[in-house]
N, C-alpha and C. Protein backbone atom coordinates (compact mmCIF):
# COMPACT_ATOMS: atom_id res chain seq x y z
N MET A 1 -133.51 62.44 136.15
CA MET A 1 -132.07 62.30 136.03
C MET A 1 -131.35 63.53 136.57
N LYS A 2 -131.92 64.72 136.30
CA LYS A 2 -131.29 65.95 136.77
C LYS A 2 -131.26 65.98 138.30
N SER A 3 -132.36 65.56 138.96
CA SER A 3 -132.37 65.56 140.42
C SER A 3 -131.39 64.53 140.98
N PHE A 4 -131.22 63.39 140.28
CA PHE A 4 -130.25 62.39 140.71
C PHE A 4 -128.84 62.95 140.64
N MET A 5 -128.49 63.65 139.57
CA MET A 5 -127.16 64.25 139.42
C MET A 5 -126.93 65.33 140.48
N THR A 6 -127.97 66.11 140.77
CA THR A 6 -127.85 67.15 141.79
C THR A 6 -127.60 66.50 143.16
N MET A 7 -128.35 65.42 143.43
CA MET A 7 -128.18 64.71 144.71
C MET A 7 -126.79 64.09 144.80
N LEU A 8 -126.30 63.49 143.72
CA LEU A 8 -124.97 62.89 143.70
C LEU A 8 -123.90 63.95 143.93
N LEU A 9 -124.04 65.08 143.26
CA LEU A 9 -123.09 66.18 143.43
C LEU A 9 -123.09 66.67 144.89
N ALA A 10 -124.28 66.79 145.48
CA ALA A 10 -124.37 67.23 146.87
C ALA A 10 -123.69 66.25 147.81
N VAL A 11 -123.87 64.94 147.59
CA VAL A 11 -123.24 63.93 148.43
C VAL A 11 -121.72 63.98 148.29
N VAL A 12 -121.22 64.13 147.07
CA VAL A 12 -119.77 64.21 146.83
C VAL A 12 -119.19 65.46 147.50
N LEU A 13 -119.86 66.60 147.36
CA LEU A 13 -119.37 67.83 147.99
C LEU A 13 -119.40 67.72 149.52
N ALA A 14 -120.47 67.15 150.07
CA ALA A 14 -120.55 66.98 151.52
C ALA A 14 -119.45 66.05 152.02
N GLY A 15 -119.20 64.96 151.31
CA GLY A 15 -118.14 64.04 151.68
C GLY A 15 -116.77 64.68 151.62
N THR A 16 -116.52 65.46 150.58
CA THR A 16 -115.25 66.16 150.43
C THR A 16 -115.07 67.18 151.56
N ALA A 17 -116.13 67.92 151.88
CA ALA A 17 -116.04 68.90 152.97
C ALA A 17 -115.80 68.20 154.30
N GLY A 18 -116.45 67.06 154.50
CA GLY A 18 -116.26 66.30 155.74
C GLY A 18 -114.84 65.80 155.90
N VAL A 19 -114.25 65.29 154.84
CA VAL A 19 -112.86 64.82 154.88
C VAL A 19 -111.91 65.99 155.13
N ALA A 20 -112.15 67.12 154.48
CA ALA A 20 -111.30 68.29 154.68
C ALA A 20 -111.40 68.79 156.11
N ALA A 21 -112.60 68.81 156.66
CA ALA A 21 -112.77 69.25 158.05
C ALA A 21 -112.09 68.30 159.01
N ALA A 22 -112.19 67.01 158.76
CA ALA A 22 -111.55 66.02 159.64
C ALA A 22 -110.04 66.16 159.59
N GLN A 23 -109.46 66.47 158.43
CA GLN A 23 -108.02 66.63 158.34
C GLN A 23 -107.55 67.91 159.02
N ALA A 24 -108.39 68.96 158.99
CA ALA A 24 -108.00 70.23 159.60
C ALA A 24 -108.13 70.20 161.12
N GLN A 25 -108.91 69.28 161.64
CA GLN A 25 -109.16 69.21 163.07
C GLN A 25 -108.41 68.04 163.67
N PRO A 26 -107.37 68.31 164.49
CA PRO A 26 -106.54 67.22 165.01
C PRO A 26 -107.22 66.37 166.08
N PHE A 27 -108.19 66.93 166.81
CA PHE A 27 -108.84 66.19 167.90
C PHE A 27 -110.34 66.15 167.68
N GLN A 28 -110.97 65.13 168.21
CA GLN A 28 -112.43 65.03 168.21
C GLN A 28 -113.01 65.16 169.62
N HIS A 29 -112.25 64.72 170.65
CA HIS A 29 -112.76 64.65 172.01
C HIS A 29 -111.72 65.18 172.99
N GLU A 30 -112.20 65.62 174.16
CA GLU A 30 -111.30 65.93 175.26
C GLU A 30 -111.97 65.52 176.57
N ILE A 31 -111.15 65.11 177.51
CA ILE A 31 -111.63 64.76 178.85
C ILE A 31 -110.79 65.54 179.85
N SER A 32 -111.48 66.19 180.78
CA SER A 32 -110.81 67.00 181.80
C SER A 32 -111.19 66.51 183.18
N LEU A 33 -110.21 66.53 184.07
CA LEU A 33 -110.44 66.27 185.49
C LEU A 33 -109.81 67.44 186.23
N PHE A 34 -110.62 68.15 186.98
CA PHE A 34 -110.10 69.31 187.70
C PHE A 34 -110.88 69.51 188.98
N GLY A 35 -110.31 70.32 189.86
CA GLY A 35 -110.97 70.51 191.14
C GLY A 35 -110.51 71.76 191.86
N ALA A 36 -111.15 71.98 193.00
CA ALA A 36 -110.83 73.13 193.85
C ALA A 36 -110.93 72.68 195.30
N TRP A 37 -110.11 73.27 196.14
CA TRP A 37 -110.13 72.97 197.57
C TRP A 37 -110.05 74.30 198.31
N ASP A 38 -111.01 74.52 199.20
CA ASP A 38 -111.04 75.71 200.04
C ASP A 38 -110.89 75.27 201.49
N ASP A 39 -109.95 75.87 202.20
CA ASP A 39 -109.76 75.61 203.62
C ASP A 39 -109.80 76.96 204.32
N VAL A 40 -110.90 77.22 205.02
CA VAL A 40 -111.13 78.51 205.65
C VAL A 40 -110.94 78.38 207.15
N ASP A 41 -110.14 79.26 207.74
CA ASP A 41 -109.93 79.25 209.19
C ASP A 41 -110.75 80.32 209.90
N GLU A 42 -110.99 81.44 209.26
CA GLU A 42 -111.70 82.56 209.90
C GLU A 42 -112.85 82.98 209.02
N PRO A 43 -113.97 83.40 209.49
CA PRO A 43 -114.32 83.57 210.89
C PRO A 43 -114.61 82.23 211.57
N GLU A 44 -114.94 81.19 210.81
CA GLU A 44 -115.15 79.87 211.38
C GLU A 44 -114.45 78.85 210.51
N LYS A 45 -114.06 77.74 211.09
CA LYS A 45 -113.38 76.68 210.37
C LYS A 45 -114.34 76.01 209.38
N ALA A 46 -113.93 75.93 208.11
CA ALA A 46 -114.76 75.29 207.08
C ALA A 46 -113.85 74.73 205.99
N GLU A 47 -114.33 73.69 205.32
CA GLU A 47 -113.58 73.09 204.22
C GLU A 47 -114.56 72.72 203.11
N GLN A 48 -114.15 73.03 201.87
CA GLN A 48 -114.96 72.67 200.72
C GLN A 48 -114.07 72.03 199.66
N ILE A 49 -114.54 70.92 199.11
CA ILE A 49 -113.81 70.22 198.06
C ILE A 49 -114.75 70.07 196.87
N THR A 50 -114.27 70.39 195.67
CA THR A 50 -115.05 70.25 194.45
C THR A 50 -114.22 69.50 193.42
N LEU A 51 -114.79 68.45 192.85
CA LEU A 51 -114.15 67.70 191.77
C LEU A 51 -115.06 67.71 190.55
N ASN A 52 -114.47 67.96 189.38
CA ASN A 52 -115.22 68.00 188.13
C ASN A 52 -114.64 67.01 187.13
N LEU A 53 -115.53 66.36 186.40
CA LEU A 53 -115.16 65.53 185.26
C LEU A 53 -115.93 66.08 184.07
N ARG A 54 -115.20 66.44 183.02
CA ARG A 54 -115.84 67.07 181.86
C ARG A 54 -115.46 66.33 180.58
N TYR A 55 -116.48 66.09 179.76
CA TYR A 55 -116.26 65.53 178.42
C TYR A 55 -116.52 66.65 177.42
N GLY A 56 -115.67 66.72 176.41
CA GLY A 56 -115.86 67.71 175.36
C GLY A 56 -115.77 67.10 173.98
N TYR A 57 -116.60 67.61 173.08
CA TYR A 57 -116.59 67.19 171.68
C TYR A 57 -116.24 68.41 170.83
N PHE A 58 -115.18 68.30 170.03
CA PHE A 58 -114.73 69.42 169.20
C PHE A 58 -115.71 69.64 168.05
N VAL A 59 -116.37 70.79 168.07
CA VAL A 59 -117.27 71.20 167.00
C VAL A 59 -116.45 71.81 165.86
N SER A 60 -115.37 72.48 166.22
CA SER A 60 -114.40 73.04 165.29
C SER A 60 -113.04 72.92 165.98
N PRO A 61 -111.95 73.31 165.31
CA PRO A 61 -110.64 73.17 165.96
C PRO A 61 -110.48 73.95 167.27
N ARG A 62 -111.32 74.97 167.51
CA ARG A 62 -111.20 75.76 168.74
C ARG A 62 -112.44 75.75 169.62
N LEU A 63 -113.56 75.29 169.11
CA LEU A 63 -114.82 75.30 169.85
C LEU A 63 -115.19 73.88 170.28
N VAL A 64 -115.48 73.72 171.59
CA VAL A 64 -115.76 72.42 172.17
C VAL A 64 -117.13 72.46 172.86
N ALA A 65 -118.03 71.55 172.50
CA ALA A 65 -119.28 71.37 173.23
C ALA A 65 -118.96 70.51 174.45
N THR A 66 -119.47 70.88 175.63
CA THR A 66 -119.07 70.19 176.85
C THR A 66 -120.27 69.67 177.65
N ALA A 67 -120.00 68.63 178.41
CA ALA A 67 -120.93 68.10 179.41
C ALA A 67 -120.08 67.78 180.63
N SER A 68 -120.47 68.28 181.79
CA SER A 68 -119.64 68.07 182.98
C SER A 68 -120.47 67.59 184.16
N LEU A 69 -119.80 66.82 184.99
CA LEU A 69 -120.37 66.30 186.22
C LEU A 69 -119.45 66.74 187.36
N ALA A 70 -120.02 67.37 188.38
CA ALA A 70 -119.22 67.87 189.50
C ALA A 70 -119.80 67.36 190.81
N ARG A 71 -118.91 67.10 191.74
CA ARG A 71 -119.31 66.69 193.09
C ARG A 71 -118.62 67.63 194.07
N SER A 72 -119.39 68.17 194.98
CA SER A 72 -118.85 69.14 195.93
C SER A 72 -119.32 68.78 197.33
N SER A 73 -118.43 68.98 198.31
CA SER A 73 -118.82 68.77 199.71
C SER A 73 -118.34 69.96 200.53
N PHE A 74 -119.15 70.34 201.51
CA PHE A 74 -118.83 71.45 202.39
C PHE A 74 -119.04 71.00 203.82
N GLU A 75 -118.03 71.23 204.66
CA GLU A 75 -118.11 70.90 206.08
C GLU A 75 -117.64 72.10 206.88
N GLY A 76 -118.48 72.53 207.80
CA GLY A 76 -118.09 73.65 208.65
C GLY A 76 -119.28 74.20 209.42
N SER A 77 -119.01 74.73 210.58
CA SER A 77 -120.02 75.37 211.43
C SER A 77 -121.21 74.46 211.69
N GLY A 78 -120.97 73.15 211.85
CA GLY A 78 -122.05 72.21 212.10
C GLY A 78 -122.89 71.90 210.87
N VAL A 79 -122.43 72.31 209.70
CA VAL A 79 -123.17 72.08 208.46
C VAL A 79 -122.38 71.13 207.58
N ASP A 80 -123.03 70.08 207.13
CA ASP A 80 -122.44 69.16 206.14
C ASP A 80 -123.36 69.14 204.94
N THR A 81 -122.84 69.61 203.82
CA THR A 81 -123.63 69.71 202.60
C THR A 81 -122.87 69.03 201.47
N ALA A 82 -123.59 68.31 200.63
CA ALA A 82 -123.00 67.71 199.44
C ALA A 82 -123.87 68.08 198.25
N SER A 83 -123.25 68.25 197.09
CA SER A 83 -124.02 68.56 195.90
C SER A 83 -123.42 67.86 194.68
N THR A 84 -124.30 67.55 193.75
CA THR A 84 -123.91 66.97 192.47
C THR A 84 -124.47 67.87 191.38
N THR A 85 -123.61 68.29 190.45
CA THR A 85 -124.01 69.22 189.40
C THR A 85 -123.77 68.61 188.04
N PHE A 86 -124.73 68.79 187.13
CA PHE A 86 -124.59 68.40 185.73
C PHE A 86 -124.80 69.63 184.88
N LEU A 87 -123.80 69.97 184.05
CA LEU A 87 -123.87 71.15 183.19
C LEU A 87 -123.57 70.78 181.74
N VAL A 88 -124.21 71.45 180.82
CA VAL A 88 -123.85 71.39 179.41
C VAL A 88 -123.43 72.79 179.00
N GLY A 89 -122.46 72.88 178.10
CA GLY A 89 -121.98 74.20 177.73
C GLY A 89 -121.01 74.16 176.58
N ALA A 90 -120.10 75.12 176.59
CA ALA A 90 -119.13 75.26 175.52
C ALA A 90 -117.82 75.83 176.06
N LYS A 91 -116.75 75.53 175.36
CA LYS A 91 -115.41 76.02 175.68
C LYS A 91 -114.80 76.51 174.38
N PHE A 92 -114.16 77.68 174.43
CA PHE A 92 -113.52 78.23 173.23
C PHE A 92 -112.06 78.52 173.51
N TYR A 93 -111.17 77.93 172.69
CA TYR A 93 -109.73 78.19 172.77
C TYR A 93 -109.40 79.35 171.84
N PHE A 94 -108.60 80.31 172.32
CA PHE A 94 -108.28 81.49 171.53
C PHE A 94 -107.15 81.28 170.53
N ASN A 95 -106.35 80.21 170.68
CA ASN A 95 -105.24 79.91 169.77
C ASN A 95 -105.30 78.45 169.36
N ASP A 96 -104.50 78.09 168.38
CA ASP A 96 -104.39 76.69 167.98
C ASP A 96 -103.75 75.88 169.10
N LEU A 97 -104.19 74.64 169.22
CA LEU A 97 -103.68 73.76 170.26
C LEU A 97 -102.42 73.05 169.77
N GLY A 98 -101.46 72.87 170.64
CA GLY A 98 -100.24 72.18 170.27
C GLY A 98 -99.23 72.15 171.39
N PRO A 99 -98.19 71.32 171.24
CA PRO A 99 -97.20 71.16 172.31
C PRO A 99 -96.43 72.45 172.60
N GLN A 100 -96.09 72.61 173.87
CA GLN A 100 -95.31 73.74 174.36
C GLN A 100 -96.01 75.09 174.12
N ARG A 101 -97.32 75.08 174.09
CA ARG A 101 -98.08 76.32 173.92
C ARG A 101 -98.88 76.60 175.19
N ILE A 102 -99.10 77.87 175.44
CA ILE A 102 -100.02 78.31 176.47
C ILE A 102 -101.21 78.91 175.74
N VAL A 103 -102.38 78.27 175.89
CA VAL A 103 -103.57 78.64 175.12
C VAL A 103 -104.66 79.13 176.07
N PRO A 104 -105.05 80.41 175.97
CA PRO A 104 -106.15 80.91 176.79
C PRO A 104 -107.50 80.38 176.28
N PHE A 105 -108.47 80.27 177.20
CA PHE A 105 -109.80 79.81 176.83
C PHE A 105 -110.85 80.46 177.71
N VAL A 106 -112.10 80.43 177.24
CA VAL A 106 -113.27 80.80 178.03
C VAL A 106 -114.22 79.61 177.97
N ASP A 107 -115.01 79.45 179.02
CA ASP A 107 -116.00 78.39 179.01
C ASP A 107 -117.21 78.79 179.83
N ALA A 108 -118.34 78.17 179.51
CA ALA A 108 -119.59 78.45 180.20
C ALA A 108 -120.45 77.20 180.19
N GLY A 109 -121.32 77.08 181.17
CA GLY A 109 -122.23 75.95 181.22
C GLY A 109 -123.48 76.29 182.01
N ILE A 110 -124.55 75.56 181.72
CA ILE A 110 -125.81 75.72 182.43
C ILE A 110 -126.39 74.34 182.68
N GLY A 111 -127.05 74.17 183.83
CA GLY A 111 -127.61 72.87 184.14
C GLY A 111 -128.29 72.87 185.49
N PHE A 112 -128.17 71.74 186.19
CA PHE A 112 -128.86 71.57 187.47
C PHE A 112 -127.92 71.04 188.54
N THR A 113 -128.20 71.43 189.77
CA THR A 113 -127.46 70.95 190.93
C THR A 113 -128.44 70.32 191.91
N ASN A 114 -128.10 69.11 192.34
CA ASN A 114 -128.87 68.44 193.39
C ASN A 114 -128.10 68.64 194.69
N ILE A 115 -128.75 69.26 195.66
CA ILE A 115 -128.10 69.61 196.92
C ILE A 115 -128.71 68.78 198.05
N ASP A 116 -127.84 68.21 198.89
CA ASP A 116 -128.26 67.42 200.05
C ASP A 116 -127.68 68.08 201.29
N THR A 117 -128.54 68.68 202.10
CA THR A 117 -128.09 69.33 203.33
C THR A 117 -128.49 68.55 204.56
N GLY A 118 -128.87 67.29 204.37
CA GLY A 118 -129.35 66.48 205.49
C GLY A 118 -130.86 66.42 205.44
N PRO A 119 -131.53 67.28 206.23
CA PRO A 119 -132.99 67.25 206.22
C PRO A 119 -133.60 67.84 204.94
N ASN A 120 -132.87 68.70 204.25
CA ASN A 120 -133.41 69.36 203.07
C ASN A 120 -132.63 68.94 201.82
N ASP A 121 -133.35 68.53 200.80
CA ASP A 121 -132.77 68.21 199.50
C ASP A 121 -133.47 69.06 198.46
N GLY A 122 -132.77 69.30 197.37
CA GLY A 122 -133.40 70.05 196.29
C GLY A 122 -132.57 70.01 195.04
N THR A 123 -133.23 70.24 193.92
CA THR A 123 -132.55 70.34 192.63
C THR A 123 -132.81 71.74 192.10
N ASP A 124 -131.73 72.44 191.77
CA ASP A 124 -131.85 73.85 191.41
C ASP A 124 -131.05 74.17 190.15
N LEU A 125 -131.43 75.25 189.48
CA LEU A 125 -130.73 75.73 188.29
C LEU A 125 -129.35 76.23 188.67
N SER A 126 -128.34 75.86 187.86
CA SER A 126 -126.96 76.30 188.09
C SER A 126 -126.35 76.80 186.79
N TRP A 127 -125.38 77.70 186.91
CA TRP A 127 -124.58 78.11 185.77
C TRP A 127 -123.18 78.46 186.23
N GLU A 128 -122.25 78.38 185.27
CA GLU A 128 -120.85 78.76 185.50
C GLU A 128 -120.36 79.51 184.28
N PHE A 129 -119.46 80.45 184.51
CA PHE A 129 -118.79 81.17 183.43
C PHE A 129 -117.38 81.49 183.89
N GLY A 130 -116.41 81.30 183.01
CA GLY A 130 -115.05 81.60 183.40
C GLY A 130 -114.07 81.49 182.27
N GLY A 131 -112.82 81.44 182.64
CA GLY A 131 -111.76 81.34 181.65
C GLY A 131 -110.46 80.95 182.33
N GLY A 132 -109.49 80.65 181.51
CA GLY A 132 -108.20 80.25 182.05
C GLY A 132 -107.20 80.02 180.95
N VAL A 133 -106.17 79.24 181.27
CA VAL A 133 -105.13 78.90 180.31
C VAL A 133 -104.84 77.40 180.38
N ALA A 134 -104.48 76.87 179.22
CA ALA A 134 -104.06 75.47 179.11
C ALA A 134 -102.61 75.47 178.67
N PHE A 135 -101.73 74.85 179.48
CA PHE A 135 -100.33 74.72 179.11
C PHE A 135 -100.13 73.30 178.58
N PHE A 136 -99.82 73.20 177.28
CA PHE A 136 -99.63 71.90 176.63
C PHE A 136 -98.22 71.40 176.87
N PHE A 137 -98.08 70.31 177.62
CA PHE A 137 -96.77 69.71 177.82
C PHE A 137 -96.56 68.53 176.88
N SER A 138 -97.58 68.17 176.09
CA SER A 138 -97.44 67.19 175.02
C SER A 138 -98.42 67.57 173.92
N GLN A 139 -98.45 66.80 172.87
CA GLN A 139 -99.34 67.08 171.74
C GLN A 139 -100.81 67.06 172.17
N ASN A 140 -101.16 66.15 173.09
CA ASN A 140 -102.56 65.93 173.43
C ASN A 140 -102.96 66.40 174.83
N THR A 141 -102.03 66.62 175.73
CA THR A 141 -102.36 66.82 177.13
C THR A 141 -101.88 68.18 177.65
N SER A 142 -102.72 68.78 178.48
CA SER A 142 -102.39 70.08 179.05
C SER A 142 -102.72 70.11 180.54
N VAL A 143 -102.03 70.98 181.24
CA VAL A 143 -102.35 71.35 182.62
C VAL A 143 -103.13 72.65 182.51
N ASP A 144 -104.30 72.69 183.13
CA ASP A 144 -105.19 73.85 183.01
C ASP A 144 -105.38 74.54 184.34
N ALA A 145 -105.45 75.87 184.30
CA ALA A 145 -105.80 76.67 185.46
C ALA A 145 -106.89 77.64 185.03
N ALA A 146 -107.93 77.78 185.87
CA ALA A 146 -109.06 78.62 185.47
C ALA A 146 -109.71 79.27 186.68
N LEU A 147 -110.40 80.36 186.43
CA LEU A 147 -111.26 81.02 187.41
C LEU A 147 -112.68 80.92 186.88
N ARG A 148 -113.63 80.59 187.76
CA ARG A 148 -115.02 80.44 187.34
C ARG A 148 -115.95 81.14 188.32
N LEU A 149 -116.83 81.95 187.78
CA LEU A 149 -117.93 82.52 188.53
C LEU A 149 -119.07 81.51 188.47
N TYR A 150 -119.66 81.15 189.61
CA TYR A 150 -120.72 80.15 189.60
C TYR A 150 -121.92 80.65 190.39
N ASN A 151 -123.08 80.08 190.08
CA ASN A 151 -124.32 80.45 190.75
C ASN A 151 -125.27 79.26 190.75
N THR A 152 -125.87 78.98 191.89
CA THR A 152 -126.93 77.98 192.01
C THR A 152 -128.09 78.64 192.74
N ASP A 153 -129.27 78.62 192.15
CA ASP A 153 -130.43 79.28 192.72
C ASP A 153 -131.12 78.43 193.78
N THR A 154 -130.44 78.23 194.91
CA THR A 154 -131.03 77.51 196.04
C THR A 154 -131.83 78.49 196.87
N ASP A 155 -132.38 78.01 197.97
CA ASP A 155 -133.10 78.91 198.88
C ASP A 155 -132.19 80.02 199.37
N ALA A 156 -130.91 79.68 199.60
CA ALA A 156 -129.95 80.67 200.10
C ALA A 156 -129.13 81.30 198.97
N ARG A 157 -129.33 80.89 197.72
CA ARG A 157 -128.61 81.36 196.53
C ARG A 157 -127.10 81.27 196.73
N THR A 158 -126.54 80.18 196.26
CA THR A 158 -125.12 79.91 196.37
C THR A 158 -124.41 80.52 195.16
N LYS A 159 -123.43 81.38 195.41
CA LYS A 159 -122.67 81.99 194.32
C LYS A 159 -121.26 82.25 194.80
N GLY A 160 -120.34 82.38 193.83
CA GLY A 160 -118.97 82.66 194.21
C GLY A 160 -118.03 82.59 193.03
N LEU A 161 -116.76 82.67 193.33
CA LEU A 161 -115.69 82.60 192.35
C LEU A 161 -114.72 81.53 192.83
N ARG A 162 -114.40 80.57 191.94
CA ARG A 162 -113.49 79.48 192.29
C ARG A 162 -112.29 79.47 191.36
N ALA A 163 -111.16 79.08 191.93
CA ALA A 163 -109.96 78.81 191.14
C ALA A 163 -109.85 77.30 190.97
N PHE A 164 -109.71 76.85 189.73
CA PHE A 164 -109.62 75.42 189.42
C PHE A 164 -108.25 75.09 188.85
N PHE A 165 -107.81 73.89 189.10
CA PHE A 165 -106.55 73.38 188.57
C PHE A 165 -106.82 71.96 188.12
N GLY A 166 -106.36 71.59 186.92
CA GLY A 166 -106.64 70.23 186.45
C GLY A 166 -105.83 69.80 185.25
N LEU A 167 -106.24 68.68 184.71
CA LEU A 167 -105.54 68.02 183.60
C LEU A 167 -106.56 67.72 182.51
N THR A 168 -106.19 67.99 181.25
CA THR A 168 -107.05 67.71 180.10
C THR A 168 -106.27 66.94 179.06
N THR A 169 -106.89 65.89 178.54
CA THR A 169 -106.27 65.15 177.45
C THR A 169 -107.24 65.08 176.28
N ARG A 170 -106.68 65.06 175.08
CA ARG A 170 -107.48 65.10 173.86
C ARG A 170 -107.14 63.90 172.98
N PHE A 171 -108.14 63.43 172.26
CA PHE A 171 -107.91 62.30 171.36
C PHE A 171 -108.87 62.38 170.18
């Protein structure tokens, strides 16, 4: 009987904590669509386009577990390369989310990139780290701008810094 009462008390406390956490956290999910475009004229003409789709699950009101899918293409100097990247990671907002707020954040992810250069294909380890700001123009939606340092361990080791611009909605 004592173990039954202990178990019942534990279930009641866990349920109460779960309800309190759900009330304190306004969102459970977020979806982001963002991208970058590079148009280089010198020393040689080149163009790169990157589009990202990211899903996030709020672990707490400011911490988001993320999974992202990115597609990138590069054309220039007789080289046409395409890559698809899948990353898992986290995003942390430094302030509470809400309308008419500018909220800084940091985010990071690690995963794999599949690169197609024509005759050579490969799947390589990738990571990204960066930060930015989210400007909330409504209760749920923000325009985001971020800078990200990225690295993919290909034969030529692809690395750089990108500026991203996008839209995020939460529900």
